[in-house]
Amino acid sequence: MKTLEQTHEIEALIPRLEADMAIAGGIQEFEQFVAADFDEKQAEIFYGHAAYIDSLFDEFAPHITPEQRMRGKLLGGISLAFMSLKYGDDEFSPRLYSGNYEEKVLATYHHARHPRQMMRGEFEYAVKVNEVMPGTFTDEDFIIFPETAGFHDALMGNGRRIDEVLSWLLYKTFLERLGFAPSIKTKRGIFTTIWDDKHKRQLVDTSPEALNSDAEIWSSRAAGVGDLLSVSQRHGPYEALCVWIEDLCKKQHNQIFTKTAATVGFSLVGVTIDDCFRFVGQHEQLNQRLGKALFDNIGFMRNFQPADPDLDQYFPGRLANVAFFEAVYERFTARKLSATGVLRAARMFKDGLLFADAERLVA
């Protein structure tokens, strides 16, 4: 199977990357963060994330005891606090990141809120599956969801696949130095979130045979579903617009956003997602890119192959997101909606203040 072949390719990367300076530097930065005495702000960030994780257990798995939750709250809370300080809390406080490959990418999507949403998605999905197939997800699965989500994008800027492998190695090294064995389910989960651009899917086997031949298939599916559950939920279009700005800062798009910003003296330090869309609206080249992005998202969301082939049965919102992009694309190309109007519409759609079908937007 193609997925199995790709998994072998990922495994082959591990020995080389273990000796790479990127992981050494990433581990050093992370360990300095962990070892330092937290100031009042850092402590507040950590305990805020830990409380969020606790609330997920309360909502979705209340039977998990406080002692059992401790691992998820500790590892998940530490990783989320690291993400907050390195990449920003959300799209209103994104930070710039660089790596061995990328330079000055604005984290309008891959900030701390993304792994928080992935955690929630894992919990939501596992509960729905267990309602149909009781016992599919065990207490162990719920306990490790926070660490899988928290660490899956811990190191970025080194290129697709490389980032995920480095993030796994960071997780593995950190746990081993604490005296804990890293979870194989977390490893599989992190690798599942790798996006295969050639086949337009995550790195997970979705065939029926995998259910009988792969002991970790459900934890892998939970990670993949949690990572991209927004495709099937109302915040999906908004998240797609946030990740679009970040992608335009990358080499795959010739760094068009950062280069345009540098040309006109627009600083990316301290900007918000709203600032970015105002900037897009002021530059025709970026406006044209937005039109293409809206059109591409129609196809992406319509043809999306989820980590669980039955996902639409559990979360049937994907086609509404397709309808939203169709309606917004029509209005944007007709010059009836500006770049900032597109973002505002997506935010209203996310908040349930706007509804869409293939022909119109209705408040």
Protein backbone atom coordinates (compact mmCIF):
# COMPACT_ATOMS: atom_id res chain seq x y z
CA MET A 1 0.00 0.00 0.00
CA LYS A 2 1.17 3.51 -0.73
CA THR A 3 0.66 4.49 2.90
CA LEU A 4 2.92 1.66 4.07
CA GLU A 5 5.63 2.68 1.59
CA GLN A 6 5.42 6.29 2.75
CA THR A 7 5.63 5.19 6.39
CA HIS A 8 8.87 3.38 5.60
CA GLU A 9 10.19 6.57 4.00
CA ILE A 10 9.36 8.52 7.16
CA GLU A 11 11.05 5.93 9.36
CA ALA A 12 14.17 6.19 7.21
CA LEU A 13 14.36 9.91 8.00
CA ILE A 14 14.61 9.37 11.74
CA PRO A 15 18.29 8.28 12.06
CA ARG A 16 19.47 11.15 9.88
CA LEU A 17 17.42 13.75 11.68
CA GLU A 18 18.45 12.47 15.12
CA ALA A 19 21.99 13.55 14.24
CA ASP A 20 20.84 16.81 12.69
CA MET A 21 21.49 20.13 14.39
CA ALA A 22 17.85 21.14 13.93
CA ILE A 23 16.63 18.64 16.49
CA ALA A 24 19.51 19.44 18.83
CA GLY A 25 18.68 23.13 18.64
CA GLY A 26 14.99 22.48 19.03
CA ILE A 27 15.53 20.27 22.06
CA GLN A 28 17.86 22.80 23.60
CA GLU A 29 15.31 25.58 23.16
CA PHE A 30 12.54 23.41 24.58
CA GLU A 31 14.62 22.23 27.55
CA GLN A 32 15.67 25.77 28.37
CA PHE A 33 12.01 26.69 28.40
CA VAL A 34 11.10 23.75 30.64
CA ALA A 35 14.06 24.12 32.99
CA ALA A 36 13.70 27.85 33.53
CA ASP A 37 11.79 29.23 36.45
CA PHE A 38 8.47 30.29 34.99
CA ASP A 39 7.70 33.92 35.50
CA GLU A 40 4.17 34.92 36.38
CA LYS A 41 3.08 35.17 32.75
CA GLN A 42 4.56 31.80 31.76
CA ALA A 43 3.00 30.10 34.75
CA GLU A 44 -0.36 31.62 33.88
CA ILE A 45 -0.04 30.32 30.31
CA PHE A 46 0.87 26.79 31.46
CA TYR A 47 -1.87 26.52 34.06
CA GLY A 48 -4.39 27.97 31.62
CA HIS A 49 -3.59 25.24 29.10
CA ALA A 50 -3.62 22.55 31.78
CA ALA A 51 -7.05 23.73 32.91
CA TYR A 52 -8.26 23.57 29.31
CA ILE A 53 -7.10 19.95 29.05
CA ASP A 54 -8.84 19.17 32.32
CA SER A 55 -12.04 20.64 30.90
CA LEU A 56 -11.80 18.29 27.91
CA PHE A 57 -11.66 15.32 30.26
CA ASP A 58 -14.60 16.73 32.22
CA GLU A 59 -16.67 17.11 29.05
CA PHE A 60 -15.77 13.99 27.10
CA ALA A 61 -14.18 11.47 29.50
CA PRO A 62 -15.23 12.37 33.05
CA HIS A 63 -14.49 8.83 34.24
CA ILE A 64 -10.74 9.41 33.76
CA THR A 65 -9.44 10.00 37.29
CA PRO A 66 -7.40 13.06 38.34
CA GLU A 67 -4.33 10.81 38.72
CA GLN A 68 -4.77 9.43 35.20
CA ARG A 69 -5.23 12.92 33.77
CA MET A 70 -1.96 14.16 35.25
CA ARG A 71 0.21 12.93 32.37
CA GLY A 72 -1.96 14.57 29.73
CA LYS A 73 -2.23 17.81 31.68
CA LEU A 74 1.53 17.95 32.30
CA LEU A 75 2.81 16.98 28.85
CA GLY A 76 -0.02 18.66 26.98
CA GLY A 77 0.20 21.79 29.12
CA ILE A 78 3.98 22.09 28.70
CA SER A 79 3.81 21.62 24.93
CA LEU A 80 0.98 24.13 24.56
CA ALA A 81 2.80 26.69 26.71
CA PHE A 82 5.87 26.21 24.50
CA MET A 83 3.71 26.72 21.41
CA SER A 84 2.19 29.89 22.89
CA LEU A 85 5.57 31.45 23.57
CA LYS A 86 7.23 30.32 20.33
CA TYR A 87 4.41 30.70 17.80
CA GLY A 88 1.77 32.83 19.55
CA ASP A 89 -1.53 32.13 21.28
CA ASP A 90 -3.79 32.56 18.26
CA GLU A 91 -4.29 34.40 14.97
CA PHE A 92 -4.45 37.68 16.85
CA SER A 93 -0.94 37.25 18.26
CA PRO A 94 1.03 35.26 15.64
CA ARG A 95 4.82 35.17 15.85
CA LEU A 96 7.39 34.74 13.13
CA TYR A 97 9.25 31.44 12.93
CA SER A 98 12.15 30.14 10.87
CA GLY A 99 13.92 26.83 10.45
CA ASN A 100 16.47 25.04 8.31
CA TYR A 101 14.23 25.61 5.29
CA GLU A 102 11.72 28.39 5.90
CA GLU A 103 12.43 31.96 6.96
CA LYS A 104 10.15 34.45 8.70
CA VAL A 105 6.88 32.59 8.39
CA LEU A 106 3.97 34.23 10.20
CA ALA A 107 2.17 31.67 12.37
CA THR A 108 -1.40 32.74 11.64
CA TYR A 109 -2.53 29.10 11.88
CA HIS A 110 0.18 26.99 13.51
CA HIS A 111 0.03 28.69 16.89
CA ALA A 112 -1.12 27.28 20.24
CA ARG A 113 -4.80 27.29 19.35
CA HIS A 114 -4.33 24.74 16.59
CA PRO A 115 -3.13 21.92 18.89
CA ARG A 116 -5.81 22.91 21.40
CA GLN A 117 -8.42 22.43 18.67
CA MET A 118 -6.79 19.15 17.64
CA MET A 119 -7.05 17.89 21.23
CA ARG A 120 -10.73 18.71 21.32
CA GLY A 121 -11.23 17.09 17.94
CA GLU A 122 -9.60 13.86 19.11
CA PHE A 123 -11.89 13.74 22.15
CA GLU A 124 -15.00 14.58 20.11
CA TYR A 125 -14.24 11.95 17.50
CA ALA A 126 -13.38 9.20 19.97
CA VAL A 127 -16.61 9.73 21.90
CA LYS A 128 -18.71 9.56 18.72
CA VAL A 129 -16.95 6.38 17.56
CA ASN A 130 -17.40 4.76 20.97
CA GLU A 131 -21.12 5.50 20.83
CA VAL A 132 -21.34 3.38 17.68
CA MET A 133 -18.60 0.86 18.53
CA PRO A 134 -18.20 0.78 22.32
CA GLY A 135 -14.69 0.18 23.56
CA THR A 136 -12.93 1.22 20.35
CA PHE A 137 -11.10 3.96 22.24
CA THR A 138 -9.75 3.04 25.65
CA ASP A 139 -8.81 5.12 28.68
CA GLU A 140 -5.21 5.00 27.47
CA ASP A 141 -6.22 6.66 24.20
CA PHE A 142 -7.96 9.53 25.97
CA ILE A 143 -5.00 10.00 28.30
CA ILE A 144 -2.48 10.43 25.47
CA PHE A 145 -4.60 12.64 23.21
CA PRO A 146 -3.21 15.85 24.79
CA GLU A 147 0.43 14.93 24.26
CA THR A 148 -0.10 13.80 20.67
CA ALA A 149 -1.82 17.05 19.76
CA GLY A 150 0.47 19.20 21.88
CA PHE A 151 3.70 17.96 20.33
CA HIS A 152 2.65 17.26 16.74
CA ASP A 153 3.71 20.72 15.45
CA ALA A 154 6.23 21.63 18.15
CA LEU A 155 9.06 22.28 15.67
CA MET A 156 8.34 23.99 12.36
CA GLY A 157 10.15 25.70 9.53
CA ASN A 158 12.20 22.74 8.29
CA GLY A 159 9.87 21.46 5.59
CA ARG A 160 6.91 19.10 5.37
CA ARG A 161 7.58 15.67 6.90
CA ILE A 162 10.80 16.98 8.42
CA ASP A 163 8.82 19.13 10.86
CA GLU A 164 6.69 16.22 12.02
CA VAL A 165 9.64 13.86 12.44
CA LEU A 166 11.55 16.50 14.37
CA SER A 167 8.51 17.14 16.55
CA TRP A 168 8.32 13.41 17.30
CA LEU A 169 12.03 13.31 18.15
CA LEU A 170 11.60 16.29 20.46
CA TYR A 171 8.73 14.50 22.22
CA LYS A 172 10.70 11.23 22.40
CA THR A 173 13.87 12.85 23.73
CA PHE A 174 12.01 14.89 26.31
CA LEU A 175 10.12 11.90 27.69
CA GLU A 176 13.20 9.69 27.78
CA ARG A 177 15.11 12.32 29.74
CA LEU A 178 12.22 12.39 32.20
CA GLY A 179 12.48 8.62 32.52
CA PHE A 180 9.28 7.82 30.61
CA ALA A 181 8.81 5.63 27.57
CA PRO A 182 7.32 7.59 24.66
CA SER A 183 3.99 6.25 23.43
CA ILE A 184 4.03 4.45 20.10
CA LYS A 185 0.49 5.76 19.64
CA THR A 186 1.79 9.31 19.90
CA LYS A 187 4.47 8.55 17.33
CA ARG A 188 1.93 7.13 14.92
CA GLY A 189 -0.44 10.01 15.63
CA ILE A 190 2.16 12.68 14.91
CA PHE A 191 3.19 10.98 11.68
CA THR A 192 -0.46 10.67 10.64
CA THR A 193 -0.70 14.48 10.55
CA ILE A 194 1.89 14.63 7.75
CA TRP A 195 0.13 15.92 4.64
CA ASP A 196 0.81 13.99 1.45
CA ASP A 197 0.42 16.72 -1.16
CA LYS A 198 0.69 14.25 -4.04
CA HIS A 199 -2.30 12.19 -2.94
CA LYS A 200 -4.05 15.05 -1.05
CA ARG A 201 -4.43 13.16 2.19
CA GLN A 202 -2.80 12.54 5.54
CA LEU A 203 -0.39 9.69 6.17
CA VAL A 204 -2.92 7.12 7.34
CA ASP A 205 -4.24 3.90 5.84
CA THR A 206 -7.96 4.34 5.22
CA SER A 207 -8.54 0.91 3.69
CA PRO A 208 -10.95 -1.57 5.35
CA GLU A 209 -8.07 -4.04 5.70
CA ALA A 210 -6.27 -1.70 8.08
CA LEU A 211 -8.97 -2.19 10.70
CA ASN A 212 -7.90 -5.83 11.06
CA SER A 213 -4.17 -5.59 10.35
CA ASP A 214 -3.12 -2.42 12.20
CA ALA A 215 -3.32 -2.45 16.00
CA GLU A 216 -2.86 1.32 16.21
CA ILE A 217 -5.18 2.32 13.40
CA TRP A 218 -7.79 3.96 15.62
CA SER A 219 -5.34 6.17 17.51
CA SER A 220 -3.85 7.15 14.15
CA ARG A 221 -7.27 8.01 12.81
CA ALA A 222 -8.07 10.05 15.92
CA ALA A 223 -4.93 12.16 15.40
CA GLY A 224 -5.66 12.70 11.72
CA VAL A 225 -9.31 13.54 12.32
CA GLY A 226 -8.49 15.88 15.20
CA ASP A 227 -5.82 17.67 13.15
CA LEU A 228 -8.18 18.54 10.30
CA LEU A 229 -11.63 18.28 11.88
CA SER A 230 -12.22 21.92 11.02
CA VAL A 231 -12.85 20.77 7.42
CA SER A 232 -16.08 19.26 8.76
CA GLN A 233 -16.99 22.02 11.22
CA ARG A 234 -18.17 25.60 10.88
CA HIS A 235 -14.81 27.13 11.72
CA GLY A 236 -13.26 25.33 8.73
CA PRO A 237 -13.42 28.22 6.22
CA TYR A 238 -12.03 30.66 8.77
CA GLU A 239 -9.16 28.31 9.61
CA ALA A 240 -8.48 27.81 5.89
CA LEU A 241 -8.06 31.57 5.48
CA CYS A 242 -5.72 31.72 8.46
CA VAL A 243 -3.50 28.94 7.10
CA TRP A 244 -3.53 30.62 3.66
CA ILE A 245 -1.73 33.70 5.01
CA GLU A 246 0.86 31.50 6.70
CA ASP A 247 1.37 29.47 3.54
CA LEU A 248 1.95 32.63 1.47
CA CYS A 249 4.97 33.30 3.69
CA LYS A 250 6.56 29.99 2.68
CA LYS A 251 8.88 29.09 -0.16
CA GLN A 252 6.24 26.96 -1.84
CA HIS A 253 4.51 30.26 -2.65
CA ASN A 254 7.75 32.14 -3.27
CA GLN A 255 7.25 33.96 0.06
CA ILE A 256 4.95 36.37 -1.75
CA PHE A 257 3.37 37.72 1.42
CA THR A 258 6.60 38.43 3.32
CA LYS A 259 8.32 39.79 0.21
CA THR A 260 5.45 42.13 -0.61
CA ALA A 261 5.35 43.27 3.01
CA ALA A 262 9.10 43.93 3.03
CA THR A 263 8.89 45.87 -0.22
CA VAL A 264 6.42 48.39 1.17
CA GLY A 265 7.72 48.42 4.73
CA PHE A 266 4.80 46.56 6.30
CA SER A 267 6.13 44.98 9.51
CA LEU A 268 4.85 41.52 10.39
CA VAL A 269 5.79 41.94 14.04
CA GLY A 270 2.70 42.33 16.18
CA VAL A 271 0.18 42.03 13.35
CA THR A 272 -3.17 40.23 13.57
CA ILE A 273 -5.01 38.17 10.99
CA ASP A 274 -7.23 41.21 10.36
CA ASP A 275 -4.16 43.35 9.63
CA CYS A 276 -3.01 40.72 7.14
CA PHE A 277 -6.29 40.70 5.23
CA ARG A 278 -6.37 44.49 5.11
CA PHE A 279 -2.90 44.28 3.59
CA VAL A 280 -4.07 41.69 1.06
CA GLY A 281 -6.87 44.02 0.00
CA GLN A 282 -4.37 46.79 -0.74
CA HIS A 283 -2.31 44.74 -3.22
CA GLU A 284 -3.84 43.39 -6.41
CA GLN A 285 -1.38 40.51 -6.71
CA LEU A 286 -2.37 39.23 -3.27
CA ASN A 287 -6.04 39.85 -4.04
CA GLN A 288 -5.72 37.62 -7.09
CA ARG A 289 -4.10 34.96 -4.94
CA LEU A 290 -7.06 35.16 -2.57
CA GLY A 291 -9.48 34.52 -5.41
CA LYS A 292 -7.50 31.43 -6.39
CA ALA A 293 -7.42 30.27 -2.77
CA LEU A 294 -11.19 30.58 -2.45
CA PHE A 295 -11.67 28.57 -5.64
CA ASP A 296 -9.13 25.93 -4.60
CA ASN A 297 -10.83 25.49 -1.23
CA ILE A 298 -14.09 24.60 -2.96
CA GLY A 299 -12.37 21.60 -4.52
CA PHE A 300 -10.30 20.79 -1.46
CA MET A 301 -13.25 20.60 0.90
CA ARG A 302 -15.47 18.83 -1.61
CA ASN A 303 -12.87 16.13 -2.37
CA PHE A 304 -11.26 15.90 1.06
CA GLN A 305 -10.24 12.36 2.07
CA PRO A 306 -10.46 12.19 5.88
CA ALA A 307 -8.43 9.88 8.09
CA ASP A 308 -11.67 8.00 8.78
CA PRO A 309 -13.67 7.29 5.60
CA ASP A 310 -16.87 7.42 7.69
CA LEU A 311 -16.15 10.87 9.11
CA ASP A 312 -19.04 12.59 7.32
CA GLN A 313 -21.44 10.35 9.24
CA TYR A 314 -20.07 11.65 12.53
CA PHE A 315 -19.53 15.26 11.45
CA PRO A 316 -21.74 16.17 8.47
CA GLY A 317 -20.70 19.80 8.09
CA ARG A 318 -18.21 19.54 5.23
CA LEU A 319 -20.66 20.26 2.42
CA ALA A 320 -21.86 23.41 4.19
CA ASN A 321 -18.26 24.62 4.12
CA VAL A 322 -18.12 23.86 0.39
CA ALA A 323 -21.27 25.93 -0.09
CA PHE A 324 -19.76 28.77 1.90
CA PHE A 325 -16.66 28.92 -0.31
CA GLU A 326 -18.78 28.72 -3.46
CA ALA A 327 -20.91 31.66 -2.35
CA VAL A 328 -17.95 33.74 -1.16
CA TYR A 329 -15.92 33.02 -4.30
CA GLU A 330 -18.81 34.20 -6.49
CA ARG A 331 -19.20 37.41 -4.52
CA PHE A 332 -15.47 38.09 -4.29
CA THR A 333 -14.82 37.62 -8.02
CA ALA A 334 -17.81 39.87 -8.75
CA ARG A 335 -16.16 42.55 -6.57
CA LYS A 336 -19.10 42.44 -4.17
CA LEU A 337 -16.88 41.35 -1.31
CA SER A 338 -13.45 42.67 -0.31
CA ALA A 339 -10.59 40.70 1.23
CA THR A 340 -11.56 41.92 4.69
CA GLY A 341 -15.18 41.12 3.84
CA VAL A 342 -14.17 37.53 3.07
CA LEU A 343 -12.50 37.18 6.46
CA ARG A 344 -15.47 38.80 8.20
CA ALA A 345 -17.90 36.47 6.45
CA ALA A 346 -15.87 33.42 7.48
CA ARG A 347 -15.78 34.63 11.08
CA MET A 348 -19.54 35.19 11.09
CA PHE A 349 -20.07 31.75 9.53
CA LYS A 350 -17.86 30.22 12.24
CA ASP A 351 -19.87 31.95 14.95
CA GLY A 352 -23.21 30.83 13.53
CA LEU A 353 -24.19 34.34 12.46
CA LEU A 354 -24.09 33.58 8.74
CA PHE A 355 -25.34 30.65 6.71
CA ALA A 356 -24.54 29.59 3.17
CA ASP A 357 -25.85 27.57 0.31
CA ALA A 358 -24.43 27.34 -3.18
CA GLU A 359 -26.01 30.61 -4.26
CA ARG A 360 -26.13 33.04 -1.38
CA LEU A 361 -25.01 34.07 2.06
CA VAL A 362 -27.78 34.58 4.57
CA ALA A 363 -27.34 36.37 7.87
